[in-house]
Amino acid sequence: MNKDIKLKKSSSGDTLYRVFIYVALITLAVTIIVPVAWVFMASVKQNSEFYGNPWTLPAGFYWQNFVDAWTKARMGEYMLNSVVVTALALGILLIVALPAAYVLSRFNFRGRGFFNTAFMGGLFINVNYIVVPIFLMFVDGDKMLRKVFGAGFFLNNIFVLALVYAATALPFTIYLLSGYFATLPKAYEEAAYVDGAGYGRTMLRIIMPMAQPSIITVILFNFLSFWNEYIIAMTMLTDPNGGKTLPVGLMNLMRAQNAAAQYGQMYAGLVLVMLPTLILYICVQKKLTQGMTLGGLKG
């Protein structure tokens, strides 16, 4: 009897726990899905529809909002800048981080502990706290270059912005990749060395294909970070009439359209910012989950 009572209590406790988890997850999903759906719905409304009930469905699909946001608000130009900056930053980051993480996780050498500690320390540095020193350093560098060459280089340069993005993402990326590389058996490398492969070829042909889930995880996390980054881009791209990234251009559009009361165009610009991240996440969500569960944060 006592065993039956204990089993009933445990089963009822498990049921309550599952109900709580489901309610919490459904609530979280609703709080995320409803605002996103509302933004998509608002992006195809005409301006006059915003003065009624905000929850009413649009009378029709007013695609002119996207055309105006793309051309008149320069969102097309800003999106191209964001694509270039994000691609450059990811390329620089992977070129530096993959060999660094491989060496730090697979080889013993003098100074290894120092480099590991330095990269671990970088995880605790908030990028927002060092934006001003970076900006002042670039201002001084441009002053020196103007005296010598007559033109600056560091500010209002999307390549330099991509370099800053990659540098600030190095600690997290190397930490994640090192943890994954450390879980891979060394027998594969030893077999490659016996067959005459060098260190570089072994890394490219053996280790990188095995680490594909972790690499995709790193690409996705950093893509989201670079694509949505605002503070560094706003600080480094100082020319009011120059190129901007998409988040900075969106904020400028929101300020302008709030004064002009062109809400449909503003929400269309917001959709242009969100859509690439949603598409990318939908495409690689399985690889992302696999990369997180196979040991990316172990070690």
Protein backbone atom coordinates (compact mmCIF):
# COMPACT_ATOMS: atom_id res chain seq x y z
CA MET A 1 0.00 0.00 0.00
CA ASN A 2 2.75 2.44 0.93
CA LYS A 3 4.52 1.74 -2.35
CA ASP A 4 1.31 2.34 -4.31
CA ILE A 5 0.73 5.64 -2.48
CA LYS A 6 4.30 6.76 -3.17
CA LEU A 7 3.95 5.83 -6.85
CA LYS A 8 0.70 7.79 -7.13
CA LYS A 9 2.26 10.82 -5.44
CA SER A 10 5.32 10.67 -7.70
CA SER A 11 3.18 10.27 -10.84
CA SER A 12 0.95 13.20 -9.82
CA GLY A 13 4.05 15.27 -9.11
CA ASP A 14 5.47 14.43 -12.54
CA THR A 15 2.16 15.37 -14.16
CA LEU A 16 2.08 18.74 -12.39
CA TYR A 17 5.69 19.36 -13.40
CA ARG A 18 4.94 18.57 -17.06
CA VAL A 19 1.87 20.83 -16.97
CA PHE A 20 3.98 23.64 -15.53
CA ILE A 21 6.67 23.17 -18.20
CA TYR A 22 4.11 23.13 -21.02
CA VAL A 23 2.34 26.24 -19.69
CA ALA A 24 5.66 28.06 -19.33
CA LEU A 25 6.80 27.10 -22.84
CA ILE A 26 3.45 28.04 -24.41
CA THR A 27 3.50 31.39 -22.60
CA LEU A 28 7.05 32.04 -23.79
CA ALA A 29 6.14 31.09 -27.37
CA VAL A 30 3.10 33.39 -27.34
CA THR A 31 5.13 36.33 -26.01
CA ILE A 32 7.61 35.86 -28.88
CA ILE A 33 5.29 34.92 -31.74
CA VAL A 34 2.58 37.52 -31.16
CA PRO A 35 4.86 40.63 -31.42
CA VAL A 36 6.64 39.20 -34.48
CA ALA A 37 3.33 38.38 -36.18
CA TRP A 38 2.01 41.83 -35.32
CA VAL A 39 5.04 43.50 -36.94
CA PHE A 40 4.55 41.47 -40.15
CA MET A 41 0.86 42.36 -40.12
CA ALA A 42 1.57 46.06 -39.56
CA SER A 43 4.11 46.16 -42.38
CA VAL A 44 1.38 45.62 -45.02
CA LYS A 45 -1.12 48.11 -43.62
CA GLN A 46 -1.83 51.50 -45.10
CA ASN A 47 -1.05 54.45 -42.89
CA SER A 48 -4.72 55.27 -42.22
CA GLU A 49 -5.27 51.81 -40.68
CA PHE A 50 -2.96 52.58 -37.75
CA TYR A 51 -5.41 55.09 -36.27
CA GLY A 52 -8.02 52.42 -35.49
CA ASN A 53 -7.77 49.22 -33.50
CA PRO A 54 -4.12 48.07 -33.70
CA TRP A 55 -5.17 44.39 -33.58
CA THR A 56 -7.41 44.47 -36.65
CA LEU A 57 -6.23 42.55 -39.70
CA PRO A 58 -5.00 44.65 -42.65
CA ALA A 59 -7.64 45.54 -45.23
CA GLY A 60 -5.22 44.44 -47.95
CA PHE A 61 -1.57 43.81 -48.63
CA TYR A 62 0.00 47.22 -49.18
CA TRP A 63 3.40 46.21 -50.56
CA GLN A 64 4.30 49.81 -51.35
CA ASN A 65 5.57 50.09 -47.77
CA PHE A 66 8.44 47.74 -48.63
CA VAL A 67 9.19 49.57 -51.88
CA ASP A 68 9.34 52.92 -50.05
CA ALA A 69 11.47 51.49 -47.25
CA TRP A 70 13.85 49.87 -49.75
CA THR A 71 14.31 52.95 -51.96
CA LYS A 72 13.26 56.17 -50.25
CA ALA A 73 14.56 55.20 -46.80
CA ARG A 74 17.75 53.63 -48.31
CA MET A 75 17.10 50.33 -46.57
CA GLY A 76 18.34 48.47 -49.64
CA GLU A 77 21.70 50.26 -49.40
CA TYR A 78 21.84 49.62 -45.65
CA MET A 79 21.05 45.93 -46.14
CA LEU A 80 23.88 45.59 -48.65
CA ASN A 81 26.25 47.22 -46.16
CA SER A 82 25.11 44.82 -43.44
CA VAL A 83 25.60 41.82 -45.73
CA VAL A 84 29.13 42.95 -46.62
CA VAL A 85 30.10 43.76 -43.02
CA THR A 86 28.65 40.52 -41.65
CA ALA A 87 30.27 38.38 -44.36
CA LEU A 88 33.66 40.07 -43.89
CA ALA A 89 33.48 39.78 -40.11
CA LEU A 90 32.55 36.09 -40.26
CA GLY A 91 35.31 35.38 -42.77
CA ILE A 92 37.98 37.14 -40.68
CA LEU A 93 36.70 35.51 -37.51
CA LEU A 94 36.77 31.96 -38.88
CA ILE A 95 40.19 32.41 -40.50
CA VAL A 96 41.66 33.44 -37.14
CA ALA A 97 39.55 31.47 -34.67
CA LEU A 98 39.60 28.01 -36.26
CA PRO A 99 43.41 27.54 -36.31
CA ALA A 100 43.75 29.24 -32.91
CA ALA A 101 41.14 27.01 -31.29
CA TYR A 102 42.65 23.92 -32.93
CA VAL A 103 46.15 24.68 -31.67
CA LEU A 104 45.01 25.63 -28.15
CA SER A 105 42.92 22.49 -27.74
CA ARG A 106 45.13 19.86 -29.42
CA PHE A 107 48.76 20.85 -28.74
CA ASN A 108 50.87 21.45 -25.64
CA PHE A 109 53.34 24.33 -25.94
CA ARG A 110 54.90 27.02 -23.81
CA GLY A 111 52.47 29.89 -23.25
CA ARG A 112 49.36 27.83 -23.89
CA GLY A 113 48.00 28.51 -20.41
CA PHE A 114 48.52 32.26 -20.83
CA PHE A 115 46.62 32.37 -24.13
CA ASN A 116 43.78 30.26 -22.75
CA THR A 117 43.51 32.55 -19.73
CA ALA A 118 43.60 35.65 -21.93
CA PHE A 119 40.79 34.40 -24.17
CA MET A 120 38.78 33.27 -21.15
CA GLY A 121 39.22 36.74 -19.65
CA GLY A 122 37.90 38.25 -22.86
CA LEU A 123 34.57 36.53 -22.22
CA PHE A 124 33.97 38.87 -19.27
CA ILE A 125 34.62 42.10 -21.18
CA ASN A 126 31.42 43.76 -22.31
CA VAL A 127 31.97 45.21 -25.77
CA ASN A 128 29.82 48.25 -24.95
CA TYR A 129 32.36 49.30 -22.30
CA ILE A 130 35.27 49.50 -24.74
CA VAL A 131 33.51 51.19 -27.67
CA VAL A 132 34.59 54.68 -26.60
CA PRO A 133 38.31 53.79 -26.21
CA ILE A 134 38.24 52.08 -29.63
CA PHE A 135 36.56 55.12 -31.14
CA LEU A 136 39.10 57.54 -29.62
CA MET A 137 41.95 55.35 -30.84
CA PHE A 138 40.52 55.44 -34.38
CA VAL A 139 40.02 59.21 -34.18
CA ASP A 140 43.71 59.67 -33.29
CA GLY A 141 44.71 57.27 -36.04
CA ASP A 142 42.68 59.19 -38.63
CA LYS A 143 44.23 62.48 -37.49
CA MET A 144 47.68 61.06 -38.03
CA LEU A 145 46.75 59.63 -41.44
CA ARG A 146 45.24 62.95 -42.56
CA LYS A 147 48.47 64.73 -41.72
CA VAL A 148 50.48 62.23 -43.78
CA PHE A 149 48.12 61.16 -46.59
CA GLY A 150 45.35 63.77 -46.46
CA ALA A 151 42.58 61.25 -45.74
CA GLY A 152 41.47 59.04 -42.87
CA PHE A 153 40.89 55.30 -42.95
CA PHE A 154 39.52 53.94 -39.69
CA LEU A 155 36.18 55.72 -39.30
CA ASN A 156 33.32 55.31 -41.81
CA ASN A 157 35.00 52.18 -43.18
CA ILE A 158 32.93 49.01 -43.28
CA PHE A 159 36.08 46.84 -43.52
CA VAL A 160 37.40 48.29 -40.25
CA LEU A 161 33.96 47.83 -38.71
CA ALA A 162 34.03 44.16 -39.76
CA LEU A 163 37.51 43.84 -38.22
CA VAL A 164 36.23 45.23 -34.91
CA TYR A 165 33.28 42.83 -34.98
CA ALA A 166 35.59 39.86 -35.57
CA ALA A 167 38.03 40.94 -32.84
CA THR A 168 35.32 41.36 -30.21
CA ALA A 169 33.85 37.93 -31.04
CA LEU A 170 37.16 36.04 -30.83
CA PRO A 171 37.06 35.06 -27.11
CA PHE A 172 33.61 33.46 -27.26
CA THR A 173 34.31 31.76 -30.60
CA ILE A 174 37.66 30.30 -29.55
CA TYR A 175 36.18 29.13 -26.25
CA LEU A 176 33.30 27.36 -27.99
CA LEU A 177 35.44 25.76 -30.69
CA SER A 178 38.20 24.72 -28.28
CA GLY A 179 35.69 22.93 -26.09
CA TYR A 180 34.42 21.00 -29.09
CA PHE A 181 37.84 20.21 -30.57
CA ALA A 182 38.98 18.82 -27.21
CA THR A 183 36.28 16.13 -27.35
CA LEU A 184 37.46 14.71 -30.70
CA PRO A 185 39.60 11.54 -30.51
CA LYS A 186 43.26 12.03 -31.39
CA ALA A 187 43.36 8.72 -33.27
CA TYR A 188 42.12 10.45 -36.43
CA GLU A 189 45.02 12.90 -36.40
CA GLU A 190 47.55 10.18 -35.67
CA ALA A 191 46.26 8.17 -38.64
CA ALA A 192 46.56 11.24 -40.86
CA TYR A 193 50.14 11.86 -39.69
CA VAL A 194 51.03 8.24 -40.49
CA ASP A 195 49.66 8.76 -44.01
CA GLY A 196 51.98 11.75 -44.43
CA ALA A 197 49.54 14.62 -43.87
CA GLY A 198 50.88 17.77 -42.23
CA TYR A 199 49.27 19.79 -39.46
CA GLY A 200 47.44 22.16 -41.80
CA ARG A 201 46.10 19.43 -44.05
CA THR A 202 45.00 17.36 -41.05
CA MET A 203 43.12 20.33 -39.65
CA LEU A 204 41.38 21.09 -42.96
CA ARG A 205 40.67 17.54 -44.13
CA ILE A 206 40.05 15.69 -40.84
CA ILE A 207 39.17 18.02 -37.98
CA MET A 208 37.07 20.66 -39.76
CA PRO A 209 34.56 18.20 -41.30
CA MET A 210 34.15 16.50 -37.93
CA ALA A 211 33.61 19.88 -36.24
CA GLN A 212 30.98 21.04 -38.75
CA PRO A 213 28.09 21.22 -36.23
CA SER A 214 30.14 23.37 -33.87
CA ILE A 215 31.31 25.62 -36.72
CA ILE A 216 27.72 26.13 -37.88
CA THR A 217 26.75 27.01 -34.32
CA VAL A 218 29.52 29.61 -34.18
CA ILE A 219 28.50 31.06 -37.55
CA LEU A 220 24.86 31.35 -36.53
CA PHE A 221 25.52 32.96 -33.15
CA ASN A 222 27.98 35.44 -34.59
CA PHE A 223 25.78 36.17 -37.61
CA LEU A 224 22.95 37.15 -35.28
CA SER A 225 25.33 39.26 -33.21
CA PHE A 226 26.89 41.06 -36.19
CA TRP A 227 23.63 41.52 -38.11
CA ASN A 228 21.78 43.07 -35.17
CA GLU A 229 24.69 45.04 -33.71
CA TYR A 230 23.92 48.73 -33.24
CA ILE A 231 26.25 50.53 -30.79
CA ILE A 232 29.60 49.83 -32.48
CA ALA A 233 28.20 50.55 -35.96
CA MET A 234 26.62 53.81 -34.81
CA THR A 235 29.91 54.87 -33.17
CA MET A 236 32.23 53.94 -36.04
CA LEU A 237 30.07 55.15 -38.94
CA THR A 238 29.95 58.84 -38.07
CA ASP A 239 29.18 60.42 -41.46
CA PRO A 240 25.48 61.48 -41.42
CA ASN A 241 25.20 61.06 -45.19
CA GLY A 242 27.51 58.05 -45.44
CA GLY A 243 26.84 54.35 -45.39
CA LYS A 244 25.08 52.74 -42.45
CA THR A 245 24.34 49.20 -41.41
CA LEU A 246 20.75 48.00 -41.28
CA PRO A 247 20.12 48.44 -37.52
CA VAL A 248 21.50 52.00 -37.58
CA GLY A 249 19.51 52.80 -40.72
CA LEU A 250 16.39 51.35 -39.08
CA MET A 251 16.78 53.57 -36.03
CA ASN A 252 17.19 56.61 -38.27
CA LEU A 253 14.10 55.51 -40.21
CA MET A 254 12.09 55.11 -37.01
CA ARG A 255 13.00 58.61 -35.86
CA ALA A 256 12.12 60.10 -39.23
CA GLN A 257 8.89 58.14 -39.68
CA ASN A 258 7.66 58.84 -36.16
CA ALA A 259 7.77 62.52 -37.03
CA ALA A 260 6.22 61.94 -40.47
CA ALA A 261 3.73 59.34 -39.14
CA GLN A 262 4.57 56.81 -41.90
CA TYR A 263 4.19 53.76 -39.71
CA GLY A 264 3.77 51.20 -42.48
CA GLN A 265 7.13 52.13 -43.98
CA MET A 266 8.74 51.94 -40.54
CA TYR A 267 7.42 48.42 -39.86
CA ALA A 268 8.41 47.31 -43.34
CA GLY A 269 11.96 48.35 -42.51
CA LEU A 270 11.75 46.35 -39.29
CA VAL A 271 10.66 43.26 -41.25
CA LEU A 272 13.66 43.69 -43.55
CA VAL A 273 15.92 43.53 -40.49
CA MET A 274 14.23 40.47 -38.95
CA LEU A 275 13.60 38.36 -42.05
CA PRO A 276 17.20 37.22 -42.82
CA THR A 277 17.77 36.08 -39.23
CA LEU A 278 14.50 34.14 -39.16
CA ILE A 279 15.26 32.45 -42.49
CA LEU A 280 18.78 31.53 -41.41
CA TYR A 281 17.62 30.11 -38.09
CA ILE A 282 14.90 28.02 -39.74
CA CYS A 283 17.45 26.59 -42.19
CA VAL A 284 20.11 25.60 -39.66
CA GLN A 285 18.17 24.99 -36.43
CA LYS A 286 18.91 21.24 -36.47
CA LYS A 287 22.63 21.81 -36.94
CA LEU A 288 22.53 24.44 -34.18
CA THR A 289 20.98 22.01 -31.72
CA GLN A 290 23.43 19.31 -32.73
CA GLY A 291 26.40 21.62 -32.28
CA MET A 292 25.27 22.64 -28.80
CA THR A 293 24.63 19.08 -27.60
CA LEU A 294 27.70 17.35 -29.05
CA GLY A 295 30.10 19.07 -26.71
CA GLY A 296 30.47 22.67 -27.90
CA LEU A 297 30.32 23.95 -24.33
CA LYS A 298 32.00 21.00 -22.65
CA GLY A 299 35.65 20.95 -21.85
